[in-house]
PDB file of N, CA and C in Angstrom:
ATOM      1  N   MET A   1      13.554  -2.983  36.219  1.00  0.00           N
ATOM      2  CA  MET A   1      13.060  -3.797  35.115  1.00  0.00           C
ATOM      3  C   MET A   1      13.347  -3.350  33.777  1.00  0.00           C
ATOM      4  N   LYS A   2      13.899  -4.382  33.156  1.00  0.00           N
ATOM      5  CA  LYS A   2      14.028  -4.012  31.610  1.00  0.00           C
ATOM      6  C   LYS A   2      13.238  -4.808  30.736  1.00  0.00           C
ATOM      7  N   HIS A   3      12.906  -4.298  29.418  1.00  0.00           N
ATOM      8  CA  HIS A   3      12.305  -5.071  28.585  1.00  0.00           C
ATOM      9  C   HIS A   3      13.127  -5.023  27.388  1.00  0.00           C
ATOM     10  N   LYS A   4      13.005  -6.193  26.672  1.00  0.00           N
ATOM     11  CA  LYS A   4      13.875  -6.260  25.343  1.00  0.00           C
ATOM     12  C   LYS A   4      12.793  -6.723  24.387  1.00  0.00           C
ATOM     13  N   VAL A   5      12.992  -6.180  23.231  1.00  0.00           N
ATOM     14  CA  VAL A   5      12.098  -6.880  21.999  1.00  0.00           C
ATOM     15  C   VAL A   5      13.115  -6.942  20.772  1.00  0.00           C
ATOM     16  N   GLU A   6      13.264  -8.079  20.314  1.00  0.00           N
ATOM     17  CA  GLU A   6      13.961  -8.741  19.206  1.00  0.00           C
ATOM     18  C   GLU A   6      13.084  -8.787  17.883  1.00  0.00           C
ATOM     19  N   MET A   7      13.494  -8.252  16.869  1.00  0.00           N
ATOM     20  CA  MET A   7      12.925  -8.471  15.461  1.00  0.00           C
ATOM     21  C   MET A   7      13.692  -9.100  14.507  1.00  0.00           C
ATOM     22  N   SER A   8      13.034  -9.869  13.622  1.00  0.00           N
ATOM     23  CA  SER A   8      13.695 -10.478  12.516  1.00  0.00           C
ATOM     24  C   SER A   8      13.177 -10.197  11.427  1.00  0.00           C
ATOM     25  N   TRP A   9      14.139  -9.868  10.428  1.00  0.00           N
ATOM     26  CA  TRP A   9      13.823  -9.307   9.107  1.00  0.00           C
ATOM     27  C   TRP A   9      13.284 -10.508   8.344  1.00  0.00           C
ATOM     28  N   GLN A  10      12.245  -9.972   7.484  1.00  0.00           N
ATOM     29  CA  GLN A  10      11.456 -10.881   6.815  1.00  0.00           C
ATOM     30  C   GLN A  10      11.521 -10.560   5.133  1.00  0.00           C
ATOM     31  N   GLY A  11      12.458  -9.700   4.926  1.00  0.00           N
ATOM     32  CA  GLY A  11      12.643  -9.327   3.530  1.00  0.00           C
ATOM     33  C   GLY A  11      11.809  -8.068   3.336  1.00  0.00           C
ATOM     34  N   LYS A  12      12.514  -7.311   2.435  1.00  0.00           N
ATOM     35  CA  LYS A  12      12.192  -6.127   1.892  1.00  0.00           C
ATOM     36  C   LYS A  12      12.154  -5.004   3.214  1.00  0.00           C
ATOM     37  N   LEU A  13      11.038  -4.564   3.575  1.00  0.00           N
ATOM     38  CA  LEU A  13      11.091  -3.647   4.830  1.00  0.00           C
ATOM     39  C   LEU A  13      10.293  -4.169   6.012  1.00  0.00           C
ATOM     40  N   ALA A  14       9.856  -5.436   6.083  1.00  0.00           N
ATOM     41  CA  ALA A  14       8.988  -6.340   6.954  1.00  0.00           C
ATOM     42  C   ALA A  14       9.882  -6.842   8.000  1.00  0.00           C
ATOM     43  N   TYR A  15       9.368  -6.869   9.038  1.00  0.00           N
ATOM     44  CA  TYR A  15      10.104  -7.352  10.516  1.00  0.00           C
ATOM     45  C   TYR A  15       8.915  -8.185  11.212  1.00  0.00           C
ATOM     46  N   LYS A  16       9.552  -9.152  12.080  1.00  0.00           N
ATOM     47  CA  LYS A  16       8.629 -10.050  12.602  1.00  0.00           C
ATOM     48  C   LYS A  16       9.096 -10.136  14.188  1.00  0.00           C
ATOM     49  N   ALA A  17       8.179  -9.794  15.167  1.00  0.00           N
ATOM     50  CA  ALA A  17       8.548  -9.948  16.686  1.00  0.00           C
ATOM     51  C   ALA A  17       7.649 -10.944  17.102  1.00  0.00           C
ATOM     52  N   ASP A  18       8.270 -11.742  18.044  1.00  0.00           N
ATOM     53  CA  ASP A  18       7.549 -12.665  18.995  1.00  0.00           C
ATOM     54  C   ASP A  18       7.622 -12.185  20.393  1.00  0.00           C
ATOM     55  N   MET A  19       6.624 -11.362  20.773  1.00  0.00           N
ATOM     56  CA  MET A  19       6.402 -10.691  22.096  1.00  0.00           C
ATOM     57  C   MET A  19       5.412 -11.620  22.998  1.00  0.00           C
ATOM     58  N   ASP A  20       6.102 -12.359  23.969  1.00  0.00           N
ATOM     59  CA  ASP A  20       5.507 -13.157  25.105  1.00  0.00           C
ATOM     60  C   ASP A  20       4.293 -13.954  24.308  1.00  0.00           C
ATOM     61  N   GLY A  21       4.743 -14.617  23.244  1.00  0.00           N
ATOM     62  CA  GLY A  21       4.004 -15.516  22.574  1.00  0.00           C
ATOM     63  C   GLY A  21       3.107 -14.987  21.501  1.00  0.00           C
ATOM     64  N   HIS A  22       2.909 -13.625  21.321  1.00  0.00           N
ATOM     65  CA  HIS A  22       2.163 -12.858  20.473  1.00  0.00           C
ATOM     66  C   HIS A  22       3.087 -12.397  19.362  1.00  0.00           C
ATOM     67  N   GLU A  23       2.746 -12.861  18.081  1.00  0.00           N
ATOM     68  CA  GLU A  23       3.443 -12.552  16.911  1.00  0.00           C
ATOM     69  C   GLU A  23       2.991 -10.974  16.460  1.00  0.00           C
ATOM     70  N   ILE A  24       3.909 -10.129  16.076  1.00  0.00           N
ATOM     71  CA  ILE A  24       3.644  -8.852  15.387  1.00  0.00           C
ATOM     72  C   ILE A  24       4.402  -8.734  14.110  1.00  0.00           C
ATOM     73  N   ILE A  25       3.812  -8.550  12.958  1.00  0.00           N
ATOM     74  CA  ILE A  25       4.584  -8.121  11.780  1.00  0.00           C
ATOM     75  C   ILE A  25       4.305  -6.589  11.446  1.00  0.00           C
ATOM     76  N   THR A  26       5.372  -6.061  11.261  1.00  0.00           N
ATOM     77  CA  THR A  26       5.524  -4.601  10.895  1.00  0.00           C
ATOM     78  C   THR A  26       6.019  -4.699   9.417  1.00  0.00           C
ATOM     79  N   ASP A  27       5.520  -3.495   8.874  1.00  0.00           N
ATOM     80  CA  ASP A  27       6.062  -3.368   7.379  1.00  0.00           C
ATOM     81  C   ASP A  27       5.614  -1.920   6.919  1.00  0.00           C
ATOM     82  N   ALA A  28       6.263  -1.607   6.021  1.00  0.00           N
ATOM     83  CA  ALA A  28       5.954  -0.256   5.249  1.00  0.00           C
ATOM     84  C   ALA A  28       4.950  -0.521   4.253  1.00  0.00           C
ATOM     85  N   SER A  29       4.387   0.645   3.873  1.00  0.00           N
ATOM     86  CA  SER A  29       3.150   0.732   2.774  1.00  0.00           C
ATOM     87  C   SER A  29       4.013   0.469   1.495  1.00  0.00           C
ATOM     88  N   THR A  30       3.170   0.094   0.589  1.00  0.00           N
ATOM     89  CA  THR A  30       3.868  -0.110  -0.908  1.00  0.00           C
ATOM     90  C   THR A  30       4.385   1.196  -1.551  1.00  0.00           C
ATOM     91  N   GLN A  31       3.798   2.298  -1.064  1.00  0.00           N
ATOM     92  CA  GLN A  31       4.426   3.681  -1.681  1.00  0.00           C
ATOM     93  C   GLN A  31       5.712   3.727  -1.405  1.00  0.00           C
ATOM     94  N   VAL A  32       6.434   3.391  -0.163  1.00  0.00           N
ATOM     95  CA  VAL A  32       7.842   3.361   0.092  1.00  0.00           C
ATOM     96  C   VAL A  32       8.637   2.247   0.031  1.00  0.00           C
ATOM     97  N   GLY A  33       8.060   1.288  -0.495  1.00  0.00           N
ATOM     98  CA  GLY A  33       8.806  -0.050  -0.728  1.00  0.00           C
ATOM     99  C   GLY A  33       8.567  -1.248  -0.084  1.00  0.00           C
ATOM    100  N   GLY A  34       7.638  -1.334   0.629  1.00  0.00           N
ATOM    101  CA  GLY A  34       7.224  -2.375   1.646  1.00  0.00           C
ATOM    102  C   GLY A  34       6.240  -3.100   0.751  1.00  0.00           C
ATOM    103  N   ASP A  35       5.583  -4.109   1.328  1.00  0.00           N
ATOM    104  CA  ASP A  35       4.429  -4.943   0.796  1.00  0.00           C
ATOM    105  C   ASP A  35       3.155  -4.652   1.455  1.00  0.00           C
ATOM    106  N   GLY A  36       3.241  -3.685   2.603  1.00  0.00           N
ATOM    107  CA  GLY A  36       1.927  -3.615   3.529  1.00  0.00           C
ATOM    108  C   GLY A  36       1.568  -4.907   4.018  1.00  0.00           C
ATOM    109  N   SER A  37       2.259  -5.807   4.555  1.00  0.00           N
ATOM    110  CA  SER A  37       2.059  -7.171   5.085  1.00  0.00           C
ATOM    111  C   SER A  37       1.734  -7.034   6.558  1.00  0.00           C
ATOM    112  N   GLY A  38       2.242  -5.978   7.161  1.00  0.00           N
ATOM    113  CA  GLY A  38       1.838  -5.721   8.694  1.00  0.00           C
ATOM    114  C   GLY A  38       1.697  -4.280   8.966  1.00  0.00           C
ATOM    115  N   VAL A  39       1.430  -4.196  10.139  1.00  0.00           N
ATOM    116  CA  VAL A  39       1.254  -2.823  10.651  1.00  0.00           C
ATOM    117  C   VAL A  39       2.334  -1.781  10.589  1.00  0.00           C
ATOM    118  N   SER A  40       2.096  -0.520  10.495  1.00  0.00           N
ATOM    119  CA  SER A  40       3.090   0.502  10.391  1.00  0.00           C
ATOM    120  C   SER A  40       3.882   0.607  11.670  1.00  0.00           C
ATOM    121  N   PRO A  41       5.061   0.664  11.699  1.00  0.00           N
ATOM    122  CA  PRO A  41       5.752   0.691  13.069  1.00  0.00           C
ATOM    123  C   PRO A  41       5.414   2.049  13.844  1.00  0.00           C
ATOM    124  N   LYS A  42       5.448   3.241  12.965  1.00  0.00           N
ATOM    125  CA  LYS A  42       5.204   4.439  13.639  1.00  0.00           C
ATOM    126  C   LYS A  42       3.793   4.291  14.211  1.00  0.00           C
ATOM    127  N   LYS A  43       2.779   3.700  13.464  1.00  0.00           N
ATOM    128  CA  LYS A  43       1.426   3.720  14.189  1.00  0.00           C
ATOM    129  C   LYS A  43       1.268   2.905  15.340  1.00  0.00           C
ATOM    130  N   LEU A  44       2.176   1.825  15.300  1.00  0.00           N
ATOM    131  CA  LEU A  44       2.285   0.767  16.460  1.00  0.00           C
ATOM    132  C   LEU A  44       2.792   1.667  17.841  1.00  0.00           C
ATOM    133  N   MET A  45       3.703   2.677  17.483  1.00  0.00           N
ATOM    134  CA  MET A  45       4.009   3.689  18.575  1.00  0.00           C
ATOM    135  C   MET A  45       2.914   4.183  19.312  1.00  0.00           C
ATOM    136  N   LEU A  46       1.816   4.641  18.381  1.00  0.00           N
ATOM    137  CA  LEU A  46       0.795   5.433  18.836  1.00  0.00           C
ATOM    138  C   LEU A  46      -0.133   4.474  19.513  1.00  0.00           C
ATOM    139  N   THR A  47      -0.178   3.334  19.042  1.00  0.00           N
ATOM    140  CA  THR A  47      -1.050   2.231  19.540  1.00  0.00           C
ATOM    141  C   THR A  47      -0.578   1.918  20.973  1.00  0.00           C
ATOM    142  N   ALA A  48       0.847   1.455  21.145  1.00  0.00           N
ATOM    143  CA  ALA A  48       1.493   1.384  22.477  1.00  0.00           C
ATOM    144  C   ALA A  48       1.101   2.487  23.459  1.00  0.00           C
ATOM    145  N   LEU A  49       1.255   3.739  23.064  1.00  0.00           N
ATOM    146  CA  LEU A  49       1.001   4.829  24.068  1.00  0.00           C
ATOM    147  C   LEU A  49      -0.307   4.649  24.447  1.00  0.00           C
ATOM    148  N   ALA A  50      -1.314   4.607  23.525  1.00  0.00           N
ATOM    149  CA  ALA A  50      -2.885   4.644  23.896  1.00  0.00           C
ATOM    150  C   ALA A  50      -2.802   3.408  24.874  1.00  0.00           C
ATOM    151  N   GLY A  51      -2.398   2.347  24.566  1.00  0.00           N
ATOM    152  CA  GLY A  51      -2.627   1.013  25.451  1.00  0.00           C
ATOM    153  C   GLY A  51      -1.952   1.329  26.732  1.00  0.00           C
ATOM    154  N   CYS A  52      -0.707   1.601  26.866  1.00  0.00           N
ATOM    155  CA  CYS A  52      -0.130   1.784  28.192  1.00  0.00           C
ATOM    156  C   CYS A  52      -0.832   2.894  28.910  1.00  0.00           C
ATOM    157  N   THR A  53      -1.069   4.034  28.449  1.00  0.00           N
ATOM    158  CA  THR A  53      -1.753   5.166  29.126  1.00  0.00           C
ATOM    159  C   THR A  53      -3.202   4.500  29.461  1.00  0.00           C
ATOM    160  N   GLY A  54      -3.880   4.153  28.568  1.00  0.00           N
ATOM    161  CA  GLY A  54      -5.195   3.291  28.981  1.00  0.00           C
ATOM    162  C   GLY A  54      -5.297   2.575  30.020  1.00  0.00           C
ATOM    163  N   ILE A  55      -4.187   1.617  30.219  1.00  0.00           N
ATOM    164  CA  ILE A  55      -4.151   0.659  31.416  1.00  0.00           C
ATOM    165  C   ILE A  55      -4.050   1.400  32.765  1.00  0.00           C
ATOM    166  N   ASP A  56      -3.135   2.631  32.545  1.00  0.00           N
ATOM    167  CA  ASP A  56      -3.067   3.366  33.834  1.00  0.00           C
ATOM    168  C   ASP A  56      -3.978   3.971  34.081  1.00  0.00           C
ATOM    169  N   ILE A  57      -4.875   4.654  33.143  1.00  0.00           N
ATOM    170  CA  ILE A  57      -6.361   5.229  33.591  1.00  0.00           C
ATOM    171  C   ILE A  57      -7.380   4.282  34.094  1.00  0.00           C
ATOM    172  N   ALA A  58      -7.133   3.249  33.642  1.00  0.00           N
ATOM    173  CA  ALA A  58      -8.329   2.195  34.026  1.00  0.00           C
ATOM    174  C   ALA A  58      -7.903   1.712  35.485  1.00  0.00           C
ATOM    175  N   MET A  59      -6.709   1.748  35.674  1.00  0.00           N
ATOM    176  CA  MET A  59      -6.231   1.340  37.320  1.00  0.00           C
ATOM    177  C   MET A  59      -6.403   2.443  38.106  1.00  0.00           C
ATOM    178  N   ILE A  60      -6.405   3.738  37.734  1.00  0.00           N
ATOM    179  CA  ILE A  60      -6.512   4.838  38.456  1.00  0.00           C
ATOM    180  C   ILE A  60      -8.045   5.015  39.023  1.00  0.00           C
ATOM    181  N   LEU A  61      -8.841   4.725  37.824  1.00  0.00           N
ATOM    182  CA  LEU A  61     -10.356   4.855  38.019  1.00  0.00           C
ATOM    183  C   LEU A  61     -10.892   3.788  38.956  1.00  0.00           C
ATOM    184  N   LYS A  62     -10.260   2.625  38.940  1.00  0.00           N
ATOM    185  CA  LYS A  62     -10.598   1.534  39.888  1.00  0.00           C
ATOM    186  C   LYS A  62     -10.079   2.026  41.401  1.00  0.00           C
ATOM    187  N   LYS A  63      -8.917   2.499  41.504  1.00  0.00           N
ATOM    188  CA  LYS A  63      -8.465   3.105  42.889  1.00  0.00           C
ATOM    189  C   LYS A  63      -9.569   4.170  43.399  1.00  0.00           C
ATOM    190  N   MET A  64      -9.955   5.139  42.200  1.00  0.00           N
ATOM    191  CA  MET A  64     -10.949   6.150  42.689  1.00  0.00           C
ATOM    192  C   MET A  64     -12.490   5.651  42.795  1.00  0.00           C
ATOM    193  N   ARG A  65     -12.438   4.432  42.702  1.00  0.00           N
ATOM    194  CA  ARG A  65     -13.969   4.017  42.799  1.00  0.00           C
ATOM    195  C   ARG A  65     -14.821   4.581  41.872  1.00  0.00           C
ATOM    196  N   VAL A  66     -14.336   4.919  40.595  1.00  0.00           N
ATOM    197  CA  VAL A  66     -15.243   5.392  39.534  1.00  0.00           C
ATOM    198  C   VAL A  66     -15.389   4.174  38.615  1.00  0.00           C
ATOM    199  N   GLU A  67     -16.683   4.044  38.398  1.00  0.00           N
ATOM    200  CA  GLU A  67     -17.102   2.809  37.473  1.00  0.00           C
ATOM    201  C   GLU A  67     -17.545   3.460  36.197  1.00  0.00           C
ATOM    202  N   VAL A  68     -16.819   3.079  35.135  1.00  0.00           N
ATOM    203  CA  VAL A  68     -17.332   3.481  33.606  1.00  0.00           C
ATOM    204  C   VAL A  68     -17.620   2.377  32.908  1.00  0.00           C
ATOM    205  N   ARG A  69     -18.697   2.395  31.940  1.00  0.00           N
ATOM    206  CA  ARG A  69     -18.897   1.294  31.092  1.00  0.00           C
ATOM    207  C   ARG A  69     -18.054   1.073  30.009  1.00  0.00           C
ATOM    208  N   ASP A  70     -17.238   2.108  29.450  1.00  0.00           N
ATOM    209  CA  ASP A  70     -16.358   2.150  28.405  1.00  0.00           C
ATOM    210  C   ASP A  70     -15.252   3.264  28.637  1.00  0.00           C
ATOM    211  N   ILE A  71     -14.121   3.216  27.889  1.00  0.00           N
ATOM    212  CA  ILE A  71     -13.077   4.051  27.834  1.00  0.00           C
ATOM    213  C   ILE A  71     -12.562   4.041  26.508  1.00  0.00           C
ATOM    214  N   LYS A  72     -12.499   5.067  25.795  1.00  0.00           N
ATOM    215  CA  LYS A  72     -11.922   5.202  24.351  1.00  0.00           C
ATOM    216  C   LYS A  72     -10.829   6.033  24.598  1.00  0.00           C
ATOM    217  N   VAL A  73      -9.573   5.630  23.818  1.00  0.00           N
ATOM    218  CA  VAL A  73      -8.394   6.468  23.909  1.00  0.00           C
ATOM    219  C   VAL A  73      -8.038   6.693  22.347  1.00  0.00           C
ATOM    220  N   SER A  74      -7.879   8.025  22.212  1.00  0.00           N
ATOM    221  CA  SER A  74      -7.324   8.310  20.796  1.00  0.00           C
ATOM    222  C   SER A  74      -5.849   8.970  20.927  1.00  0.00           C
ATOM    223  N   VAL A  75      -5.089   8.482  20.083  1.00  0.00           N
ATOM    224  CA  VAL A  75      -3.547   9.251  19.921  1.00  0.00           C
ATOM    225  C   VAL A  75      -3.457   9.644  18.549  1.00  0.00           C
ATOM    226  N   GLU A  76      -3.229  11.157  18.386  1.00  0.00           N
ATOM    227  CA  GLU A  76      -2.879  11.547  17.206  1.00  0.00           C
ATOM    228  C   GLU A  76      -1.175  12.160  17.106  1.00  0.00           C
ATOM    229  N   GLY A  77      -0.565  11.585  16.244  1.00  0.00           N
ATOM    230  CA  GLY A  77       0.552  12.108  16.177  1.00  0.00           C
ATOM    231  C   GLY A  77       0.963  12.936  15.044  1.00  0.00           C
ATOM    232  N   GLU A  78       1.680  14.030  14.917  1.00  0.00           N
ATOM    233  CA  GLU A  78       2.080  14.914  13.812  1.00  0.00           C
ATOM    234  C   GLU A  78       3.470  14.542  13.345  1.00  0.00           C
ATOM    235  N   LEU A  79       3.553  13.835  12.243  1.00  0.00           N
ATOM    236  CA  LEU A  79       5.018  13.699  11.584  1.00  0.00           C
ATOM    237  C   LEU A  79       5.654  14.701  11.145  1.00  0.00           C
ATOM    238  N   THR A  80       6.937  14.598  11.133  1.00  0.00           N
ATOM    239  CA  THR A  80       7.840  15.806  10.453  1.00  0.00           C
ATOM    240  C   THR A  80       7.892  15.423   9.070  1.00  0.00           C
ATOM    241  N   GLU A  81       8.138  16.542   8.383  1.00  0.00           N
ATOM    242  CA  GLU A  81       8.168  16.580   6.785  1.00  0.00           C
ATOM    243  C   GLU A  81       9.269  15.903   6.219  1.00  0.00           C
ATOM    244  N   GLU A  82      10.612  16.063   7.120  1.00  0.00           N
ATOM    245  CA  GLU A  82      11.804  15.600   6.483  1.00  0.00           C
ATOM    246  C   GLU A  82      11.997  13.913   6.912  1.00  0.00           C
ATOM    247  N   GLN A  83      12.775  13.284   6.203  1.00  0.00           N
ATOM    248  CA  GLN A  83      12.873  11.817   6.228  1.00  0.00           C
ATOM    249  C   GLN A  83      14.234  11.799   6.968  1.00  0.00           C
ATOM    250  N   PRO A  84      14.318  10.804   7.763  1.00  0.00           N
ATOM    251  CA  PRO A  84      13.472  10.042   8.266  1.00  0.00           C
ATOM    252  C   PRO A  84      12.463  10.804   9.106  1.00  0.00           C
ATOM    253  N   SER A  85      11.114  10.583   9.060  1.00  0.00           N
ATOM    254  CA  SER A  85      10.018  11.297   9.768  1.00  0.00           C
ATOM    255  C   SER A  85       9.942  10.811  11.210  1.00  0.00           C
ATOM    256  N   TYR A  86       9.634  11.575  12.081  1.00  0.00           N
ATOM    257  CA  TYR A  86       9.343  11.241  13.427  1.00  0.00           C
ATOM    258  C   TYR A  86       8.110  12.028  13.973  1.00  0.00           C
ATOM    259  N   TYR A  87       7.589  11.809  15.171  1.00  0.00           N
ATOM    260  CA  TYR A  87       6.485  12.542  15.666  1.00  0.00           C
ATOM    261  C   TYR A  87       6.923  13.547  16.569  1.00  0.00           C
ATOM    262  N   LYS A  88       6.438  14.741  16.042  1.00  0.00           N
ATOM    263  CA  LYS A  88       6.975  15.918  16.585  1.00  0.00           C
ATOM    264  C   LYS A  88       6.131  16.377  17.681  1.00  0.00           C
ATOM    265  N   ASN A  89       4.684  15.750  17.655  1.00  0.00           N
ATOM    266  CA  ASN A  89       3.746  16.270  18.610  1.00  0.00           C
ATOM    267  C   ASN A  89       2.914  15.010  18.675  1.00  0.00           C
ATOM    268  N   MET A  90       2.309  14.864  19.906  1.00  0.00           N
ATOM    269  CA  MET A  90       1.220  13.653  20.010  1.00  0.00           C
ATOM    270  C   MET A  90       0.207  14.334  20.927  1.00  0.00           C
ATOM    271  N   HIS A  91      -0.931  13.929  20.687  1.00  0.00           N
ATOM    272  CA  HIS A  91      -2.134  14.342  21.543  1.00  0.00           C
ATOM    273  C   HIS A  91      -3.068  13.055  21.900  1.00  0.00           C
ATOM    274  N   ILE A  92      -3.261  13.110  23.243  1.00  0.00           N
ATOM    275  CA  ILE A  92      -4.006  11.941  23.646  1.00  0.00           C
ATOM    276  C   ILE A  92      -5.567  12.488  24.109  1.00  0.00           C
ATOM    277  N   ILE A  93      -6.503  11.591  23.916  1.00  0.00           N
ATOM    278  CA  ILE A  93      -7.813  12.123  24.242  1.00  0.00           C
ATOM    279  C   ILE A  93      -8.247  10.857  24.949  1.00  0.00           C
ATOM    280  N   TYR A  94      -8.967  10.975  26.171  1.00  0.00           N
ATOM    281  CA  TYR A  94      -9.651   9.923  26.798  1.00  0.00           C
ATOM    282  C   TYR A  94     -11.031  10.330  26.678  1.00  0.00           C
ATOM    283  N   GLU A  95     -12.017   9.404  26.603  1.00  0.00           N
ATOM    284  CA  GLU A  95     -13.149   9.676  26.555  1.00  0.00           C
ATOM    285  C   GLU A  95     -13.826   8.503  27.428  1.00  0.00           C
ATOM    286  N   PHE A  96     -14.576   8.964  28.488  1.00  0.00           N
ATOM    287  CA  PHE A  96     -15.363   7.946  29.335  1.00  0.00           C
ATOM    288  C   PHE A  96     -16.785   7.900  29.195  1.00  0.00           C
ATOM    289  N   PHE A  97     -17.391   6.648  29.244  1.00  0.00           N
ATOM    290  CA  PHE A  97     -18.860   6.409  29.073  1.00  0.00           C
ATOM    291  C   PHE A  97     -19.288   5.599  30.302  1.00  0.00           C
ATOM    292  N   GLY A  98     -20.541   6.108  30.735  1.00  0.00           N
ATOM    293  CA  GLY A  98     -21.120   5.626  31.739  1.00  0.00           C
ATOM    294  C   GLY A  98     -22.288   6.285  32.404  1.00  0.00           C
ATOM    295  N   LYS A  99     -22.788   6.037  33.543  1.00  0.00           N
ATOM    296  CA  LYS A  99     -23.788   6.689  34.404  1.00  0.00           C
ATOM    297  C   LYS A  99     -22.994   7.328  35.532  1.00  0.00           C
ATOM    298  N   ASP A 100     -23.492   8.636  35.728  1.00  0.00           N
ATOM    299  CA  ASP A 100     -23.052   9.320  37.064  1.00  0.00           C
ATOM    300  C   ASP A 100     -21.576   9.374  37.092  1.00  0.00           C
ATOM    301  N   ILE A 101     -20.965   9.821  35.963  1.00  0.00           N
ATOM    302  CA  ILE A 101     -19.516   9.846  35.892  1.00  0.00           C
ATOM    303  C   ILE A 101     -19.116  11.491  36.366  1.00  0.00           C
ATOM    304  N   PRO A 102     -18.338  11.369  37.427  1.00  0.00           N
ATOM    305  CA  PRO A 102     -17.799  12.535  38.054  1.00  0.00           C
ATOM    306  C   PRO A 102     -16.796  13.303  37.254  1.00  0.00           C
ATOM    307  N   HIS A 103     -17.420  14.086  36.132  1.00  0.00           N
ATOM    308  CA  HIS A 103     -16.503  14.738  35.151  1.00  0.00           C
ATOM    309  C   HIS A 103     -15.194  15.564  35.856  1.00  0.00           C
ATOM    310  N   ALA A 104     -15.694  16.377  37.042  1.00  0.00           N
ATOM    311  CA  ALA A 104     -14.721  17.120  37.537  1.00  0.00           C
ATOM    312  C   ALA A 104     -13.488  16.419  38.045  1.00  0.00           C
ATOM    313  N   ARG A 105     -13.781  15.346  38.563  1.00  0.00           N
ATOM    314  CA  ARG A 105     -12.646  14.406  39.054  1.00  0.00           C
ATOM    315  C   ARG A 105     -11.735  13.917  38.132  1.00  0.00           C
ATOM    316  N   LEU A 106     -12.514  13.451  36.796  1.00  0.00           N
ATOM    317  CA  LEU A 106     -11.861  12.942  35.791  1.00  0.00           C
ATOM    318  C   LEU A 106     -10.924  14.040  35.037  1.00  0.00           C
ATOM    319  N   ASN A 107     -11.314  15.154  35.117  1.00  0.00           N
ATOM    320  CA  ASN A 107     -10.519  16.353  34.303  1.00  0.00           C
ATOM    321  C   ASN A 107      -9.372  16.458  35.155  1.00  0.00           C
ATOM    322  N   GLU A 108      -9.089  16.081  36.450  1.00  0.00           N
ATOM    323  CA  GLU A 108      -7.785  16.253  37.071  1.00  0.00           C
ATOM    324  C   GLU A 108      -6.989  14.965  36.641  1.00  0.00           C
ATOM    325  N   LEU A 109      -7.248  14.111  35.787  1.00  0.00           N
ATOM    326  CA  LEU A 109      -6.103  13.174  35.900  1.00  0.00           C
ATOM    327  C   LEU A 109      -5.342  13.522  34.862  1.00  0.00           C
TER     328      LEU A 109
END
């Protein structure tokens, strides 16, 4: 299976993507020459990682027959100092909320 994303330039540093009927605008902050008219592409990478792994975790919990009321996914990325910057480290934290959660089993995930 392959995925393909195409973006069209909107001027300055902004781009627009149409993904499965959902429009996403990315842009840089005004401090670096953008207008801040969209989400940060770098932060969008962290969002995609949180969303993708969050789906996997929810599916695994369902197979394990573990019922939770809520799942929170946090991703923190550490950027390099040099330009262009990139994430040199990422840390993912999953929080589970509910009653009678088998913490020992979840720590194995």
